[in-house]
PDB file of all heavy atoms in Angstrom:
ATOM      1  N   ALA A   1     129.541  97.048  85.184  1.00  0.00           N
ATOM      2  CA  ALA A   1     130.939  96.842  84.808  1.00  0.00           C
ATOM      3  C   ALA A   1     131.566  98.060  84.158  1.00  0.00           C
ATOM      4  O   ALA A   1     132.741  98.371  84.401  1.00  0.00           O
ATOM      5  CB  ALA A   1     131.046  95.635  83.872  1.00  0.00           C
ATOM      6  N   TYR A   2     130.785  98.782  83.336  1.00  0.00           N
ATOM      7  CA  TYR A   2     131.373  99.854  82.536  1.00  0.00           C
ATOM      8  C   TYR A   2     130.639 101.192  82.664  1.00  0.00           C
ATOM      9  O   TYR A   2     131.255 102.252  82.547  1.00  0.00           O
ATOM     10  CB  TYR A   2     131.426  99.447  81.061  1.00  0.00           C
ATOM     11  CG  TYR A   2     132.294  98.238  80.829  1.00  0.00           C
ATOM     12  CD1 TYR A   2     131.736  96.962  80.773  1.00  0.00           C
ATOM     13  CD2 TYR A   2     133.679  98.368  80.709  1.00  0.00           C
ATOM     14  CE1 TYR A   2     132.535  95.847  80.589  1.00  0.00           C
ATOM     15  CE2 TYR A   2     134.477  97.255  80.526  1.00  0.00           C
ATOM     16  CZ  TYR A   2     133.905  95.995  80.471  1.00  0.00           C
ATOM     17  OH  TYR A   2     134.698  94.889  80.305  1.00  0.00           O
ATOM     18  N   GLY A   3     129.341 101.145  82.847  1.00  0.00           N
ATOM     19  CA  GLY A   3     128.564 102.371  82.972  1.00  0.00           C
ATOM     20  C   GLY A   3     128.374 103.102  81.662  1.00  0.00           C
ATOM     21  O   GLY A   3     129.046 102.824  80.670  1.00  0.00           O
ATOM     22  N   ILE A   4     127.428 104.040  81.668  1.00  0.00           N
ATOM     23  CA  ILE A   4     127.220 104.968  80.554  1.00  0.00           C
ATOM     24  C   ILE A   4     127.084 106.355  81.173  1.00  0.00           C
ATOM     25  O   ILE A   4     126.132 106.618  81.909  1.00  0.00           O
ATOM     26  CB  ILE A   4     125.956 104.626  79.739  1.00  0.00           C
ATOM     27  CG1 ILE A   4     126.075 103.235  79.107  1.00  0.00           C
ATOM     28  CG2 ILE A   4     125.733 105.674  78.645  1.00  0.00           C
ATOM     29  CD1 ILE A   4     124.815 102.797  78.370  1.00  0.00           C
ATOM     30  N   SER A   5     128.042 107.218  80.904  1.00  0.00           N
ATOM     31  CA  SER A   5     128.062 108.524  81.575  1.00  0.00           C
ATOM     32  C   SER A   5     127.551 109.668  80.705  1.00  0.00           C
ATOM     33  O   SER A   5     127.105 110.692  81.218  1.00  0.00           O
ATOM     34  CB  SER A   5     129.488 108.850  82.034  1.00  0.00           C
ATOM     35  OG  SER A   5     130.368 108.955  80.912  1.00  0.00           O
ATOM     36  N   THR A   6     127.602 109.514  79.396  1.00  0.00           N
ATOM     37  CA  THR A   6     127.226 110.591  78.478  1.00  0.00           C
ATOM     38  C   THR A   6     126.855 109.990  77.131  1.00  0.00           C
ATOM     39  O   THR A   6     127.374 108.920  76.766  1.00  0.00           O
ATOM     40  CB  THR A   6     128.375 111.609  78.327  1.00  0.00           C
ATOM     41  OG1 THR A   6     127.982 112.686  77.463  1.00  0.00           O
ATOM     42  CG2 THR A   6     129.633 110.953  77.778  1.00  0.00           C
ATOM     43  N   THR A   7     125.966 110.639  76.416  1.00  0.00           N
ATOM     44  CA  THR A   7     125.549 110.092  75.122  1.00  0.00           C
ATOM     45  C   THR A   7     125.141 111.208  74.174  1.00  0.00           C
ATOM     46  O   THR A   7     124.820 112.327  74.606  1.00  0.00           O
ATOM     47  CB  THR A   7     124.383 109.095  75.292  1.00  0.00           C
ATOM     48  OG1 THR A   7     124.162 108.398  74.069  1.00  0.00           O
ATOM     49  CG2 THR A   7     123.105 109.817  75.690  1.00  0.00           C
ATOM     50  N   MET A   8     125.155 110.905  72.896  1.00  0.00           N
ATOM     51  CA  MET A   8     124.662 111.820  71.875  1.00  0.00           C
ATOM     52  C   MET A   8     124.227 110.989  70.678  1.00  0.00           C
ATOM     53  O   MET A   8     124.613 109.827  70.528  1.00  0.00           O
ATOM     54  CB  MET A   8     125.706 112.857  71.466  1.00  0.00           C
ATOM     55  CG  MET A   8     126.969 112.297  70.857  1.00  0.00           C
ATOM     56  SD  MET A   8     128.134 113.620  70.368  1.00  0.00           S
ATOM     57  CE  MET A   8     129.527 112.629  69.798  1.00  0.00           C
ATOM     58  N   GLY A   9     123.400 111.588  69.823  1.00  0.00           N
ATOM     59  CA  GLY A   9     122.928 110.857  68.660  1.00  0.00           C
ATOM     60  C   GLY A   9     122.345 111.784  67.610  1.00  0.00           C
ATOM     61  O   GLY A   9     121.953 112.919  67.912  1.00  0.00           O
ATOM     62  N   VAL A  10     122.318 111.293  66.380  1.00  0.00           N
ATOM     63  CA  VAL A  10     121.756 112.059  65.264  1.00  0.00           C
ATOM     64  C   VAL A  10     120.945 111.124  64.380  1.00  0.00           C
ATOM     65  O   VAL A  10     121.192 109.918  64.328  1.00  0.00           O
ATOM     66  CB  VAL A  10     122.853 112.732  64.410  1.00  0.00           C
ATOM     67  CG1 VAL A  10     123.561 113.829  65.190  1.00  0.00           C
ATOM     68  CG2 VAL A  10     123.862 111.701  63.911  1.00  0.00           C
ATOM     69  N   ALA A  11     119.964 111.698  63.701  1.00  0.00           N
ATOM     70  CA  ALA A  11     119.199 110.939  62.718  1.00  0.00           C
ATOM     71  C   ALA A  11     120.036 110.739  61.465  1.00  0.00           C
ATOM     72  O   ALA A  11     120.781 111.628  61.047  1.00  0.00           O
ATOM     73  CB  ALA A  11     117.906 111.670  62.383  1.00  0.00           C
ATOM     74  N   LEU A  12     119.918 109.562  60.863  1.00  0.00           N
ATOM     75  CA  LEU A  12     120.495 109.304  59.549  1.00  0.00           C
ATOM     76  C   LEU A  12     119.436 109.699  58.532  1.00  0.00           C
ATOM     77  O   LEU A  12     118.378 109.076  58.447  1.00  0.00           O
ATOM     78  CB  LEU A  12     120.874 107.830  59.417  1.00  0.00           C
ATOM     79  CG  LEU A  12     121.940 107.340  60.411  1.00  0.00           C
ATOM     80  CD1 LEU A  12     122.105 105.843  60.313  1.00  0.00           C
ATOM     81  CD2 LEU A  12     123.260 108.055  60.185  1.00  0.00           C
ATOM     82  N   ARG A  13     119.707 110.738  57.780  1.00  0.00           N
ATOM     83  CA  ARG A  13     118.679 111.382  56.969  1.00  0.00           C
ATOM     84  C   ARG A  13     118.773 111.001  55.499  1.00  0.00           C
ATOM     85  O   ARG A  13     119.802 111.189  54.855  1.00  0.00           O
ATOM     86  CB  ARG A  13     118.785 112.899  57.119  1.00  0.00           C
ATOM     87  CG  ARG A  13     118.517 113.372  58.552  1.00  0.00           C
ATOM     88  CD  ARG A  13     118.655 114.862  58.666  1.00  0.00           C
ATOM     89  NE  ARG A  13     120.021 115.295  58.418  1.00  0.00           N
ATOM     90  CZ  ARG A  13     120.378 116.563  58.274  1.00  0.00           C
ATOM     91  NH1 ARG A  13     119.467 117.523  58.287  1.00  0.00           N
ATOM     92  NH2 ARG A  13     121.645 116.878  58.078  1.00  0.00           N
ATOM     93  N   GLY A  14     117.680 110.469  54.975  1.00  0.00           N
ATOM     94  CA  GLY A  14     117.589 110.193  53.553  1.00  0.00           C
ATOM     95  C   GLY A  14     117.016 111.386  52.812  1.00  0.00           C
ATOM     96  O   GLY A  14     116.722 112.426  53.411  1.00  0.00           O
ATOM     97  N   ARG A  15     116.838 111.227  51.523  1.00  0.00           N
ATOM     98  CA  ARG A  15     116.326 112.337  50.720  1.00  0.00           C
ATOM     99  C   ARG A  15     114.882 112.674  51.048  1.00  0.00           C
ATOM    100  O   ARG A  15     114.474 113.833  50.960  1.00  0.00           O
ATOM    101  CB  ARG A  15     116.464 112.003  49.228  1.00  0.00           C
ATOM    102  CG  ARG A  15     117.894 112.114  48.708  1.00  0.00           C
ATOM    103  CD  ARG A  15     118.034 111.503  47.333  1.00  0.00           C
ATOM    104  NE  ARG A  15     117.890 110.049  47.378  1.00  0.00           N
ATOM    105  CZ  ARG A  15     118.030 109.255  46.331  1.00  0.00           C
ATOM    106  NH1 ARG A  15     118.287 109.776  45.146  1.00  0.00           N
ATOM    107  NH2 ARG A  15     117.893 107.948  46.456  1.00  0.00           N
ATOM    108  N   SER A  16     114.097 111.662  51.448  1.00  0.00           N
ATOM    109  CA  SER A  16     112.681 111.915  51.713  1.00  0.00           C
ATOM    110  C   SER A  16     112.244 111.591  53.138  1.00  0.00           C
ATOM    111  O   SER A  16     111.170 112.011  53.558  1.00  0.00           O
ATOM    112  CB  SER A  16     111.817 111.111  50.733  1.00  0.00           C
ATOM    113  OG  SER A  16     112.074 109.720  50.866  1.00  0.00           O
ATOM    114  N   SER A  17     113.066 110.858  53.884  1.00  0.00           N
ATOM    115  CA  SER A  17     112.692 110.493  55.252  1.00  0.00           C
ATOM    116  C   SER A  17     113.938 110.069  56.011  1.00  0.00           C
ATOM    117  O   SER A  17     115.000 109.847  55.428  1.00  0.00           O
ATOM    118  CB  SER A  17     111.668 109.353  55.247  1.00  0.00           C
ATOM    119  OG  SER A  17     112.235 108.185  54.673  1.00  0.00           O
ATOM    120  N   ASN A  18     113.782 109.942  57.325  1.00  0.00           N
ATOM    121  CA  ASN A  18     114.889 109.475  58.149  1.00  0.00           C
ATOM    122  C   ASN A  18     115.051 107.967  58.004  1.00  0.00           C
ATOM    123  O   ASN A  18     114.065 107.221  57.999  1.00  0.00           O
ATOM    124  CB  ASN A  18     114.659 109.846  59.612  1.00  0.00           C
ATOM    125  CG  ASN A  18     114.740 111.345  59.838  1.00  0.00           C
ATOM    126  OD1 ASN A  18     115.469 112.046  59.134  1.00  0.00           O
ATOM    127  ND2 ASN A  18     113.994 111.849  60.811  1.00  0.00           N
ATOM    128  N   LEU A  19     116.307 107.530  57.894  1.00  0.00           N
ATOM    129  CA  LEU A  19     116.615 106.123  57.674  1.00  0.00           C
ATOM    130  C   LEU A  19     116.856 105.369  58.974  1.00  0.00           C
ATOM    131  O   LEU A  19     116.666 104.158  59.042  1.00  0.00           O
ATOM    132  CB  LEU A  19     117.868 105.994  56.798  1.00  0.00           C
ATOM    133  CG  LEU A  19     117.883 106.789  55.497  1.00  0.00           C
ATOM    134  CD1 LEU A  19     119.260 106.726  54.866  1.00  0.00           C
ATOM    135  CD2 LEU A  19     116.825 106.255  54.550  1.00  0.00           C
ATOM    136  N   GLY A  20     117.306 106.083  60.000  1.00  0.00           N
ATOM    137  CA  GLY A  20     117.675 105.443  61.253  1.00  0.00           C
ATOM    138  C   GLY A  20     118.366 106.439  62.158  1.00  0.00           C
ATOM    139  O   GLY A  20     118.172 107.656  62.030  1.00  0.00           O
ATOM    140  N   ALA A  21     119.192 105.922  63.062  1.00  0.00           N
ATOM    141  CA  ALA A  21     119.880 106.789  64.021  1.00  0.00           C
ATOM    142  C   ALA A  21     121.281 106.266  64.293  1.00  0.00           C
ATOM    143  O   ALA A  21     121.517 105.051  64.304  1.00  0.00           O
ATOM    144  CB  ALA A  21     119.093 106.883  65.321  1.00  0.00           C
ATOM    145  N   LEU A  22     122.194 107.200  64.520  1.00  0.00           N
ATOM    146  CA  LEU A  22     123.561 106.908  64.940  1.00  0.00           C
ATOM    147  C   LEU A  22     123.736 107.460  66.344  1.00  0.00           C
ATOM    148  O   LEU A  22     123.537 108.656  66.567  1.00  0.00           O
ATOM    149  CB  LEU A  22     124.556 107.565  63.978  1.00  0.00           C
ATOM    150  CG  LEU A  22     126.022 107.637  64.413  1.00  0.00           C
ATOM    151  CD1 LEU A  22     126.616 106.245  64.580  1.00  0.00           C
ATOM    152  CD2 LEU A  22     126.830 108.457  63.407  1.00  0.00           C
ATOM    153  N   THR A  23     124.066 106.598  67.305  1.00  0.00           N
ATOM    154  CA  THR A  23     124.235 107.030  68.682  1.00  0.00           C
ATOM    155  C   THR A  23     125.622 106.649  69.192  1.00  0.00           C
ATOM    156  O   THR A  23     126.207 105.655  68.748  1.00  0.00           O
ATOM    157  CB  THR A  23     123.171 106.412  69.607  1.00  0.00           C
ATOM    158  OG1 THR A  23     123.187 104.983  69.471  1.00  0.00           O
ATOM    159  CG2 THR A  23     121.781 106.934  69.255  1.00  0.00           C
ATOM    160  N   VAL A  24     126.128 107.453  70.125  1.00  0.00           N
ATOM    161  CA  VAL A  24     127.446 107.230  70.706  1.00  0.00           C
ATOM    162  C   VAL A  24     127.345 107.452  72.214  1.00  0.00           C
ATOM    163  O   VAL A  24     126.628 108.352  72.660  1.00  0.00           O
ATOM    164  CB  VAL A  24     128.503 108.202  70.125  1.00  0.00           C
ATOM    165  CG1 VAL A  24     129.915 107.723  70.471  1.00  0.00           C
ATOM    166  CG2 VAL A  24     128.355 108.357  68.631  1.00  0.00           C
ATOM    167  N   SER A  25     128.056 106.647  72.990  1.00  0.00           N
ATOM    168  CA  SER A  25     128.093 106.850  74.436  1.00  0.00           C
ATOM    169  C   SER A  25     129.481 106.531  74.965  1.00  0.00           C
ATOM    170  O   SER A  25     130.283 105.875  74.299  1.00  0.00           O
ATOM    171  CB  SER A  25     127.040 105.979  75.134  1.00  0.00           C
ATOM    172  OG  SER A  25     127.298 104.606  74.914  1.00  0.00           O
ATOM    173  N   ARG A  26     129.742 107.030  76.179  1.00  0.00           N
ATOM    174  CA  ARG A  26     131.029 106.795  76.839  1.00  0.00           C
ATOM    175  C   ARG A  26     130.818 106.097  78.171  1.00  0.00           C
ATOM    176  O   ARG A  26     129.797 106.276  78.828  1.00  0.00           O
ATOM    177  CB  ARG A  26     131.758 108.123  77.063  1.00  0.00           C
ATOM    178  CG  ARG A  26     132.363 108.707  75.800  1.00  0.00           C
ATOM    179  CD  ARG A  26     132.961 110.070  76.033  1.00  0.00           C
ATOM    180  NE  ARG A  26     133.652 110.551  74.825  1.00  0.00           N
ATOM    181  CZ  ARG A  26     133.978 111.816  74.617  1.00  0.00           C
ATOM    182  NH1 ARG A  26     133.697 112.751  75.523  1.00  0.00           N
ATOM    183  NH2 ARG A  26     134.602 112.163  73.501  1.00  0.00           N
ATOM    184  N   HIS A  27     131.841 105.333  78.572  1.00  0.00           N
ATOM    185  CA  HIS A  27     131.801 104.641  79.851  1.00  0.00           C
ATOM    186  C   HIS A  27     131.897 105.636  81.012  1.00  0.00           C
ATOM    187  O   HIS A  27     132.247 106.806  80.819  1.00  0.00           O
ATOM    188  CB  HIS A  27     132.966 103.654  79.951  1.00  0.00           C
ATOM    189  CG  HIS A  27     132.951 102.600  78.895  1.00  0.00           C
ATOM    190  ND1 HIS A  27     134.085 101.902  78.533  1.00  0.00           N
ATOM    191  CD2 HIS A  27     131.958 102.113  78.098  1.00  0.00           C
ATOM    192  CE1 HIS A  27     133.796 101.031  77.581  1.00  0.00           C
ATOM    193  NE2 HIS A  27     132.504 101.137  77.297  1.00  0.00           N
ATOM    194  N   SER A  28     131.637 105.141  82.213  1.00  0.00           N
ATOM    195  CA  SER A  28     131.745 105.966  83.415  1.00  0.00           C
ATOM    196  C   SER A  28     133.163 106.514  83.557  1.00  0.00           C
ATOM    197  O   SER A  28     134.148 105.832  83.243  1.00  0.00           O
ATOM    198  CB  SER A  28     131.399 105.142  84.658  1.00  0.00           C
ATOM    199  OG  SER A  28     130.052 104.743  84.627  1.00  0.00           O
ATOM    200  N   GLY A  29     133.232 107.765  84.043  1.00  0.00           N
ATOM    201  CA  GLY A  29     134.533 108.379  84.276  1.00  0.00           C
ATOM    202  C   GLY A  29     135.132 109.080  83.074  1.00  0.00           C
ATOM    203  O   GLY A  29     136.185 109.714  83.192  1.00  0.00           O
TER     204      GLY A  29
END
C-alpha cells in the first residue's frame, strides 16, 4: 500500500550505554 523507499536511524545514547534506537523511513516515491 505504501512502501518503504529510504531509511535512516541513530542510537539513543545514555551516559554509560545505548538506550535504544530512533529510526525514520519514507514511503515509496
